[in-house]
Structures are given as structure tokens and as C-alpha cells.
Amino acid sequence: MPEPLKPAVFQVLLSLAEGDKHGYAVLKDVDAESAGEVKLSTGTLYAVFKRLLAEGLIAECRHRPPMDEDDQRRRYYRITPAGRAVAVAEAERMEKLLAQARGAKLIRKLRPA
């Protein structure tokens, strides 16, 4: 069984699963989606990017927005099929843990929306 992903790594994969983004957009997305619980500095983010690129879980995008909507210094990233599979496996692992916690009455069962 693979090791659980660190929260920062999982949050970056979640952000990129929604679509291609540049680093600053990923930072803002992770902050918003985690309600500020996952704090990423630019140094940490680019270390995560470097690791995920090396593992083939993300890739740098070749297609960019139109020049009038883009800053040429930005690099855009996308999740790869392998990255999506890793994110899905992690989400499923967490889902099983939550089900066990609910079964043990550690947390409440979800109410239908």
C-alpha cells in the first residue's frame, strides 16, 4: 500500500485536477480550498512541483493563454493521468478512514444534502 500523501502534495494535485494553473493560482486555490489550513510558501510550492514533475504526476503545459492575458514569466502546470490516479487513490484511502471513524462513532454520519 502506498504511503499517504502529505497534505500540501494532495492539495496541489486537487488544485490541478480542476484545470491547468500557474503557481500563484495554485497557491491561492490551496489556501481557499483548505480554508487556510494548508499553508504553502512559494519555496514549498516549487519544491512540491519539482517532486511531482520528477515523479511524472504533473507536467508543464505547452499551451498558454493569449499573450495579452498572460505573463511570460509564469509557468503553467497540469495533472497527468498518473497524477490523477494517485490523487484518486489518496481520496479513496481517506474516504475509507472516514467511514471507519464514523463506524466507531468518532465523527457524525453525513446528512443527505
Protein backbone atom coordinates (compact mmCIF):
# COMPACT_ATOMS: atom_id res chain seq x y z
CA MET A 1 0.00 0.00 0.00
CA PRO A 2 1.48 3.39 -0.97
CA GLU A 3 2.34 5.92 1.70
CA PRO A 4 -0.28 8.60 2.38
CA LEU A 5 0.36 11.87 0.57
CA LYS A 6 1.42 14.92 2.51
CA PRO A 7 -1.42 17.46 2.72
CA ALA A 8 0.45 20.00 0.57
CA VAL A 9 1.05 17.44 -2.18
CA PHE A 10 -2.57 16.26 -2.15
CA GLN A 11 -3.86 19.86 -2.22
CA VAL A 12 -1.65 20.71 -5.21
CA LEU A 13 -2.94 17.65 -7.08
CA LEU A 14 -6.53 18.61 -6.18
CA SER A 15 -5.97 22.12 -7.46
CA LEU A 16 -4.53 20.91 -10.77
CA ALA A 17 -7.29 18.29 -11.13
CA GLU A 18 -9.64 21.26 -11.66
CA GLY A 19 -7.57 22.53 -14.59
CA ASP A 20 -4.21 23.89 -15.70
CA LYS A 21 -2.83 26.62 -13.45
CA HIS A 22 0.26 28.68 -12.81
CA GLY A 23 2.00 28.61 -9.44
CA TYR A 24 0.37 31.68 -7.90
CA ALA A 25 -3.09 30.40 -8.87
CA VAL A 26 -2.29 27.06 -7.21
CA LEU A 27 -1.16 28.90 -4.04
CA LYS A 28 -4.41 30.88 -3.90
CA ASP A 29 -6.52 27.81 -4.68
CA VAL A 30 -4.89 25.67 -1.97
CA ASP A 31 -5.34 28.45 0.59
CA ALA A 32 -9.02 28.89 -0.32
CA GLU A 33 -9.92 25.20 -0.67
CA SER A 34 -8.19 24.21 2.58
CA ALA A 35 -9.72 27.20 4.40
CA GLY A 36 -6.18 28.30 5.23
CA GLU A 37 -5.27 25.01 6.92
CA VAL A 38 -2.59 24.15 4.35
CA LYS A 39 -0.07 26.97 4.18
CA LEU A 40 2.23 26.93 1.19
CA SER A 41 5.10 29.33 0.71
CA THR A 42 6.38 29.82 -2.80
CA GLY A 43 9.50 27.84 -1.86
CA THR A 44 7.44 24.91 -0.60
CA LEU A 45 5.16 25.03 -3.64
CA TYR A 46 8.05 24.90 -6.09
CA ALA A 47 9.65 22.05 -4.13
CA VAL A 48 6.34 20.17 -4.45
CA PHE A 49 6.20 21.00 -8.17
CA LYS A 50 9.77 19.74 -8.64
CA ARG A 51 8.95 16.46 -6.90
CA LEU A 52 5.67 15.94 -8.77
CA LEU A 53 7.35 16.74 -12.11
CA ALA A 54 10.14 14.22 -11.37
CA GLU A 55 7.56 11.56 -10.45
CA GLY A 56 5.52 12.23 -13.60
CA LEU A 57 2.44 13.26 -11.62
CA ILE A 58 2.28 16.72 -13.16
CA ALA A 59 3.68 18.24 -16.35
CA GLU A 60 4.48 21.72 -17.51
CA CYS A 61 1.93 22.91 -20.06
CA ARG A 62 3.00 23.79 -23.56
CA HIS A 63 -0.21 25.69 -24.35
CA ARG A 64 -0.51 29.12 -22.80
CA PRO A 65 -3.20 31.78 -22.65
CA PRO A 66 -3.14 34.51 -25.31
CA MET A 67 -0.22 36.91 -24.86
CA ASP A 68 -2.46 39.81 -23.78
CA GLU A 69 -3.81 37.63 -20.92
CA ASP A 70 -0.50 36.09 -19.89
CA ASP A 71 2.70 36.93 -18.08
CA GLN A 72 5.56 35.19 -19.88
CA ARG A 73 7.34 34.56 -16.55
CA ARG A 74 4.56 32.23 -15.44
CA ARG A 75 4.81 28.50 -15.84
CA TYR A 76 1.59 26.53 -16.15
CA TYR A 77 1.15 23.01 -14.86
CA ARG A 78 -1.35 20.22 -15.44
CA ILE A 79 -2.05 16.95 -13.69
CA THR A 80 -1.06 13.83 -15.65
CA PRO A 81 -3.11 10.62 -15.80
CA ALA A 82 -0.67 9.10 -13.28
CA GLY A 83 -1.14 12.13 -11.01
CA ARG A 84 -4.91 11.82 -11.23
CA ALA A 85 -4.67 8.11 -10.34
CA VAL A 86 -2.53 8.92 -7.29
CA ALA A 87 -4.98 11.64 -6.19
CA VAL A 88 -7.95 9.29 -6.65
CA ALA A 89 -6.21 6.55 -4.64
CA GLU A 90 -5.49 9.02 -1.83
CA ALA A 91 -9.08 10.30 -1.81
CA GLU A 92 -10.37 6.73 -1.66
CA ARG A 93 -7.95 5.92 1.18
CA MET A 94 -9.21 8.93 3.14
CA GLU A 95 -12.83 8.02 2.39
CA LYS A 96 -12.29 4.55 3.90
CA LEU A 97 -10.70 6.06 7.01
CA LEU A 98 -13.65 8.43 7.44
CA ALA A 99 -16.07 5.52 7.10
CA GLN A 100 -14.18 3.69 9.85
CA ALA A 101 -14.23 6.78 12.06
CA ARG A 102 -17.99 7.14 11.53
CA GLY A 103 -18.47 3.45 12.31
CA ALA A 104 -16.55 3.92 15.55
CA LYS A 105 -18.74 6.95 16.29
CA LEU A 106 -15.74 9.26 16.33
CA ILE A 107 -17.49 11.60 13.89
CA ARG A 108 -21.08 12.05 12.84
CA LYS A 109 -22.55 10.45 9.78
CA LEU A 110 -23.20 12.80 6.91
CA ARG A 111 -26.74 14.01 6.47
CA PRO A 112 -28.21 13.93 2.97
CA ALA A 113 -27.98 17.30 1.24
